[in-house]
Amino acid sequence: MHAARNVALCTKDCLCLFICPTGATDTETGQIDFTKCLDGCRLCVDACPSHALYLVFDRYPRKPAKEDKVVEALESLLDSKVAQEALAEALARSGSAGAKLAKALAMSNRILAEDCAREARYMLPQSEQSKALLRQLAGQPHTGDFPAEAVGKLLASL
């Protein structure tokens, strides 16, 4: 971790720059030398009167893999959100008194479905789930405007 400065918030009081025990802060320019900054010291961050200094992580923890049961639950929830979106869209198109509410519900279900898809690893094109889905789509017979050629090109590029 090291400190960084948001110039837009800085009021140039510079009390925070003088407190640095390693001299990582340049009192003339307000810049911070990351190589001198102590990992997690945060003295300057706590002393900054304008809250312009903050800590930046050098490393982030590795995200643990999801268990198959969790992915299955996310896929099930995704299916239900897609179905709920379709129902809400149909209600919104019907012109009934609750059409505005139905439209809002449809959008909410779409957002939740996208979140479920992303968490179930479908929104990452290079994931095995996405490749399997594309293979499944490519193997089915299609009519109309389905972009079969684009699916093939995407699979080849991944």
C-alpha atoms as a PDB file:
ATOM      1  CA  MET A   1       0.000   0.000   0.000  1.00  0.00           C
ATOM      2  CA  HIS A   2       1.098   3.525  -0.628  1.00  0.00           C
ATOM      3  CA  ALA A   3      -0.418   6.989  -0.339  1.00  0.00           C
ATOM      4  CA  ALA A   4      -1.715   8.961  -3.303  1.00  0.00           C
ATOM      5  CA  ARG A   5      -3.086  12.477  -3.609  1.00  0.00           C
ATOM      6  CA  ASN A   6      -6.293  13.752  -5.222  1.00  0.00           C
ATOM      7  CA  VAL A   7      -5.248  17.178  -6.517  1.00  0.00           C
ATOM      8  CA  ALA A   8      -8.857  18.322  -6.916  1.00  0.00           C
ATOM      9  CA  LEU A   9      -9.488  17.961  -3.177  1.00  0.00           C
ATOM     10  CA  CYS A  10      -6.170  19.387  -1.994  1.00  0.00           C
ATOM     11  CA  THR A  11      -6.434  22.798  -0.296  1.00  0.00           C
ATOM     12  CA  LYS A  12      -2.628  23.176  -0.217  1.00  0.00           C
ATOM     13  CA  ASP A  13      -2.535  23.324   3.606  1.00  0.00           C
ATOM     14  CA  CYS A  14       0.243  20.724   3.330  1.00  0.00           C
ATOM     15  CA  LEU A  15       0.301  19.779   7.010  1.00  0.00           C
ATOM     16  CA  CYS A  16      -0.017  16.206   5.823  1.00  0.00           C
ATOM     17  CA  LEU A  17       3.089  16.471   3.643  1.00  0.00           C
ATOM     18  CA  PHE A  18       5.363  17.498   6.516  1.00  0.00           C
ATOM     19  CA  ILE A  19       4.395  14.589   8.758  1.00  0.00           C
ATOM     20  CA  CYS A  20       5.851  11.886   6.476  1.00  0.00           C
ATOM     21  CA  PRO A  21       8.620  10.017   8.379  1.00  0.00           C
ATOM     22  CA  THR A  22      10.437   8.904   5.197  1.00  0.00           C
ATOM     23  CA  GLY A  23      10.326  12.105   3.164  1.00  0.00           C
ATOM     24  CA  ALA A  24       8.205  10.423   0.497  1.00  0.00           C
ATOM     25  CA  THR A  25       6.166  13.598   0.071  1.00  0.00           C
ATOM     26  CA  ASP A  26       7.560  16.523  -1.886  1.00  0.00           C
ATOM     27  CA  THR A  27       6.490  19.678  -0.068  1.00  0.00           C
ATOM     28  CA  GLU A  28       7.079  21.815  -3.174  1.00  0.00           C
ATOM     29  CA  THR A  29       4.855  19.874  -5.577  1.00  0.00           C
ATOM     30  CA  GLY A  30       2.794  17.731  -3.211  1.00  0.00           C
ATOM     31  CA  GLN A  31       3.781  14.607  -5.131  1.00  0.00           C
ATOM     32  CA  ILE A  32       4.363  11.323  -3.320  1.00  0.00           C
ATOM     33  CA  ASP A  33       7.303   9.050  -4.126  1.00  0.00           C
ATOM     34  CA  PHE A  34       5.783   5.565  -3.974  1.00  0.00           C
ATOM     35  CA  THR A  35       9.187   3.924  -3.579  1.00  0.00           C
ATOM     36  CA  LYS A  36       9.785   5.757  -0.278  1.00  0.00           C
ATOM     37  CA  CYS A  37       6.248   5.450   1.074  1.00  0.00           C
ATOM     38  CA  LEU A  38       5.975   2.975   3.963  1.00  0.00           C
ATOM     39  CA  ASP A  39       3.507   0.155   3.425  1.00  0.00           C
ATOM     40  CA  GLY A  40       0.364   1.052   5.374  1.00  0.00           C
ATOM     41  CA  CYS A  41       1.895   3.908   7.424  1.00  0.00           C
ATOM     42  CA  ARG A  42      -1.056   6.270   6.671  1.00  0.00           C
ATOM     43  CA  LEU A  43       0.257   9.131   8.862  1.00  0.00           C
ATOM     44  CA  CYS A  44      -0.178  11.591   5.993  1.00  0.00           C
ATOM     45  CA  VAL A  45      -3.651  10.236   5.163  1.00  0.00           C
ATOM     46  CA  ASP A  46      -4.831  10.734   8.748  1.00  0.00           C
ATOM     47  CA  ALA A  47      -3.247  14.201   8.983  1.00  0.00           C
ATOM     48  CA  CYS A  48      -4.624  15.575   5.700  1.00  0.00           C
ATOM     49  CA  PRO A  49      -7.186  18.289   6.586  1.00  0.00           C
ATOM     50  CA  SER A  50      -8.839  18.216   3.139  1.00  0.00           C
ATOM     51  CA  HIS A  51      -8.967  14.391   2.867  1.00  0.00           C
ATOM     52  CA  ALA A  52      -7.052  14.590  -0.411  1.00  0.00           C
ATOM     53  CA  LEU A  53      -4.673  11.750   0.497  1.00  0.00           C
ATOM     54  CA  TYR A  54      -5.753   8.130   0.340  1.00  0.00           C
ATOM     55  CA  LEU A  55      -4.166   4.689   0.287  1.00  0.00           C
ATOM     56  CA  VAL A  56      -3.762   2.663  -2.902  1.00  0.00           C
ATOM     57  CA  PHE A  57      -3.293  -1.089  -2.726  1.00  0.00           C
ATOM     58  CA  ASP A  58      -0.367  -2.569  -4.646  1.00  0.00           C
ATOM     59  CA  ARG A  59      -1.805  -6.084  -4.519  1.00  0.00           C
ATOM     60  CA  TYR A  60      -5.358  -7.328  -4.278  1.00  0.00           C
ATOM     61  CA  PRO A  61      -6.371 -10.699  -2.864  1.00  0.00           C
ATOM     62  CA  ARG A  62      -7.135 -13.443  -5.370  1.00  0.00           C
ATOM     63  CA  LYS A  63     -10.863 -14.029  -5.732  1.00  0.00           C
ATOM     64  CA  PRO A  64     -11.737 -17.579  -4.626  1.00  0.00           C
ATOM     65  CA  ALA A  65     -13.421 -19.870  -7.137  1.00  0.00           C
ATOM     66  CA  LYS A  66     -17.132 -20.439  -6.683  1.00  0.00           C
ATOM     67  CA  GLU A  67     -18.324 -23.900  -5.784  1.00  0.00           C
ATOM     68  CA  ASP A  68     -20.496 -25.723  -8.317  1.00  0.00           C
ATOM     69  CA  LYS A  69     -23.523 -25.515  -5.992  1.00  0.00           C
ATOM     70  CA  VAL A  70     -23.218 -21.729  -5.882  1.00  0.00           C
ATOM     71  CA  VAL A  71     -22.947 -21.491  -9.679  1.00  0.00           C
ATOM     72  CA  GLU A  72     -26.019 -23.752 -10.031  1.00  0.00           C
ATOM     73  CA  ALA A  73     -27.976 -21.528  -7.638  1.00  0.00           C
ATOM     74  CA  LEU A  74     -26.914 -18.429  -9.576  1.00  0.00           C
ATOM     75  CA  GLU A  75     -27.974 -20.051 -12.860  1.00  0.00           C
ATOM     76  CA  SER A  76     -31.358 -20.943 -11.365  1.00  0.00           C
ATOM     77  CA  LEU A  77     -31.819 -17.387 -10.093  1.00  0.00           C
ATOM     78  CA  LEU A  78     -30.737 -16.068 -13.501  1.00  0.00           C
ATOM     79  CA  ASP A  79     -33.423 -18.173 -15.205  1.00  0.00           C
ATOM     80  CA  SER A  80     -36.106 -16.878 -12.837  1.00  0.00           C
ATOM     81  CA  LYS A  81     -35.025 -13.243 -13.355  1.00  0.00           C
ATOM     82  CA  VAL A  82     -35.155 -13.668 -17.155  1.00  0.00           C
ATOM     83  CA  ALA A  83     -38.685 -15.116 -16.867  1.00  0.00           C
ATOM     84  CA  GLN A  84     -39.760 -12.303 -14.528  1.00  0.00           C
ATOM     85  CA  GLU A  85     -38.346  -9.724 -16.917  1.00  0.00           C
ATOM     86  CA  ALA A  86     -40.351 -11.221 -19.798  1.00  0.00           C
ATOM     87  CA  LEU A  87     -43.551 -11.119 -17.739  1.00  0.00           C
ATOM     88  CA  ALA A  88     -42.956  -7.533 -16.663  1.00  0.00           C
ATOM     89  CA  GLU A  89     -42.179  -6.497 -20.257  1.00  0.00           C
ATOM     90  CA  ALA A  90     -45.464  -8.060 -21.412  1.00  0.00           C
ATOM     91  CA  LEU A  91     -47.347  -6.154 -18.719  1.00  0.00           C
ATOM     92  CA  ALA A  92     -45.597  -2.922 -19.672  1.00  0.00           C
ATOM     93  CA  ARG A  93     -46.600  -3.365 -23.337  1.00  0.00           C
ATOM     94  CA  SER A  94     -50.214  -4.090 -22.413  1.00  0.00           C
ATOM     95  CA  GLY A  95     -50.817  -0.433 -21.583  1.00  0.00           C
ATOM     96  CA  SER A  96     -52.469  -1.250 -18.280  1.00  0.00           C
ATOM     97  CA  ALA A  97     -52.559   1.146 -15.339  1.00  0.00           C
ATOM     98  CA  GLY A  98     -49.377  -0.333 -13.890  1.00  0.00           C
ATOM     99  CA  ALA A  99     -47.352  -0.143 -17.128  1.00  0.00           C
ATOM    100  CA  LYS A 100     -44.755   2.247 -15.682  1.00  0.00           C
ATOM    101  CA  LEU A 101     -44.236   0.034 -12.657  1.00  0.00           C
ATOM    102  CA  ALA A 102     -44.004  -3.042 -14.873  1.00  0.00           C
ATOM    103  CA  LYS A 103     -41.352  -1.335 -17.015  1.00  0.00           C
ATOM    104  CA  ALA A 104     -39.330  -0.504 -13.886  1.00  0.00           C
ATOM    105  CA  LEU A 105     -39.666  -4.106 -12.670  1.00  0.00           C
ATOM    106  CA  ALA A 106     -38.495  -5.381 -16.039  1.00  0.00           C
ATOM    107  CA  MET A 107     -35.378  -3.193 -15.870  1.00  0.00           C
ATOM    108  CA  SER A 108     -34.686  -4.246 -12.276  1.00  0.00           C
ATOM    109  CA  ASN A 109     -34.954  -7.922 -13.241  1.00  0.00           C
ATOM    110  CA  ARG A 110     -32.636  -7.363 -16.220  1.00  0.00           C
ATOM    111  CA  ILE A 111     -29.981  -5.800 -13.941  1.00  0.00           C
ATOM    112  CA  LEU A 112     -30.294  -8.636 -11.415  1.00  0.00           C
ATOM    113  CA  ALA A 113     -30.078 -11.216 -14.217  1.00  0.00           C
ATOM    114  CA  GLU A 114     -26.892  -9.589 -15.535  1.00  0.00           C
ATOM    115  CA  ASP A 115     -25.403  -9.651 -12.031  1.00  0.00           C
ATOM    116  CA  CYS A 116     -26.244 -13.349 -11.683  1.00  0.00           C
ATOM    117  CA  ALA A 117     -24.723 -14.088 -15.095  1.00  0.00           C
ATOM    118  CA  ARG A 118     -21.555 -12.211 -14.223  1.00  0.00           C
ATOM    119  CA  GLU A 119     -21.203 -13.966 -10.872  1.00  0.00           C
ATOM    120  CA  ALA A 120     -21.812 -17.342 -12.533  1.00  0.00           C
ATOM    121  CA  ARG A 121     -18.849 -16.519 -14.840  1.00  0.00           C
ATOM    122  CA  TYR A 122     -20.891 -16.125 -18.044  1.00  0.00           C
ATOM    123  CA  MET A 123     -20.042 -12.482 -18.673  1.00  0.00           C
ATOM    124  CA  LEU A 124     -16.340 -13.190 -19.078  1.00  0.00           C
ATOM    125  CA  PRO A 125     -15.839 -14.150 -22.735  1.00  0.00           C
ATOM    126  CA  GLN A 126     -12.761 -16.253 -21.958  1.00  0.00           C
ATOM    127  CA  SER A 127     -14.482 -18.307 -19.232  1.00  0.00           C
ATOM    128  CA  GLU A 128     -15.259 -21.966 -19.803  1.00  0.00           C
ATOM    129  CA  GLN A 129     -18.952 -21.268 -19.118  1.00  0.00           C
ATOM    130  CA  SER A 130     -19.118 -18.702 -21.927  1.00  0.00           C
ATOM    131  CA  LYS A 131     -17.307 -21.006 -24.348  1.00  0.00           C
ATOM    132  CA  ALA A 132     -19.650 -23.897 -23.490  1.00  0.00           C
ATOM    133  CA  LEU A 133     -22.686 -21.659 -24.003  1.00  0.00           C
ATOM    134  CA  LEU A 134     -21.362 -20.457 -27.373  1.00  0.00           C
ATOM    135  CA  ARG A 135     -20.665 -24.071 -28.441  1.00  0.00           C
ATOM    136  CA  GLN A 136     -24.201 -25.017 -27.429  1.00  0.00           C
ATOM    137  CA  LEU A 137     -25.664 -22.072 -29.395  1.00  0.00           C
ATOM    138  CA  ALA A 138     -23.528 -22.860 -32.440  1.00  0.00           C
ATOM    139  CA  GLY A 139     -24.654 -26.499 -32.428  1.00  0.00           C
ATOM    140  CA  GLN A 140     -28.389 -25.712 -32.475  1.00  0.00           C
ATOM    141  CA  PRO A 141     -30.399 -25.143 -35.655  1.00  0.00           C
ATOM    142  CA  HIS A 142     -31.247 -21.452 -36.088  1.00  0.00           C
ATOM    143  CA  THR A 143     -33.603 -19.485 -38.240  1.00  0.00           C
ATOM    144  CA  GLY A 144     -34.011 -15.804 -38.855  1.00  0.00           C
ATOM    145  CA  ASP A 145     -31.496 -13.257 -37.717  1.00  0.00           C
ATOM    146  CA  PHE A 146     -29.378 -15.383 -35.353  1.00  0.00           C
ATOM    147  CA  PRO A 147     -25.708 -14.390 -35.881  1.00  0.00           C
ATOM    148  CA  ALA A 148     -24.331 -17.934 -36.349  1.00  0.00           C
ATOM    149  CA  GLU A 149     -21.267 -16.685 -38.223  1.00  0.00           C
ATOM    150  CA  ALA A 150     -20.453 -14.205 -35.448  1.00  0.00           C
ATOM    151  CA  VAL A 151     -20.772 -16.949 -32.822  1.00  0.00           C
ATOM    152  CA  GLY A 152     -18.329 -19.101 -34.821  1.00  0.00           C
ATOM    153  CA  LYS A 153     -15.823 -16.242 -35.146  1.00  0.00           C
ATOM    154  CA  LEU A 154     -16.102 -15.467 -31.433  1.00  0.00           C
ATOM    155  CA  LEU A 155     -15.494 -19.119 -30.517  1.00  0.00           C
ATOM    156  CA  ALA A 156     -12.459 -19.244 -32.800  1.00  0.00           C
ATOM    157  CA  SER A 157     -10.992 -16.091 -31.252  1.00  0.00           C
ATOM    158  CA  LEU A 158     -11.394 -17.366 -27.691  1.00  0.00           C
END
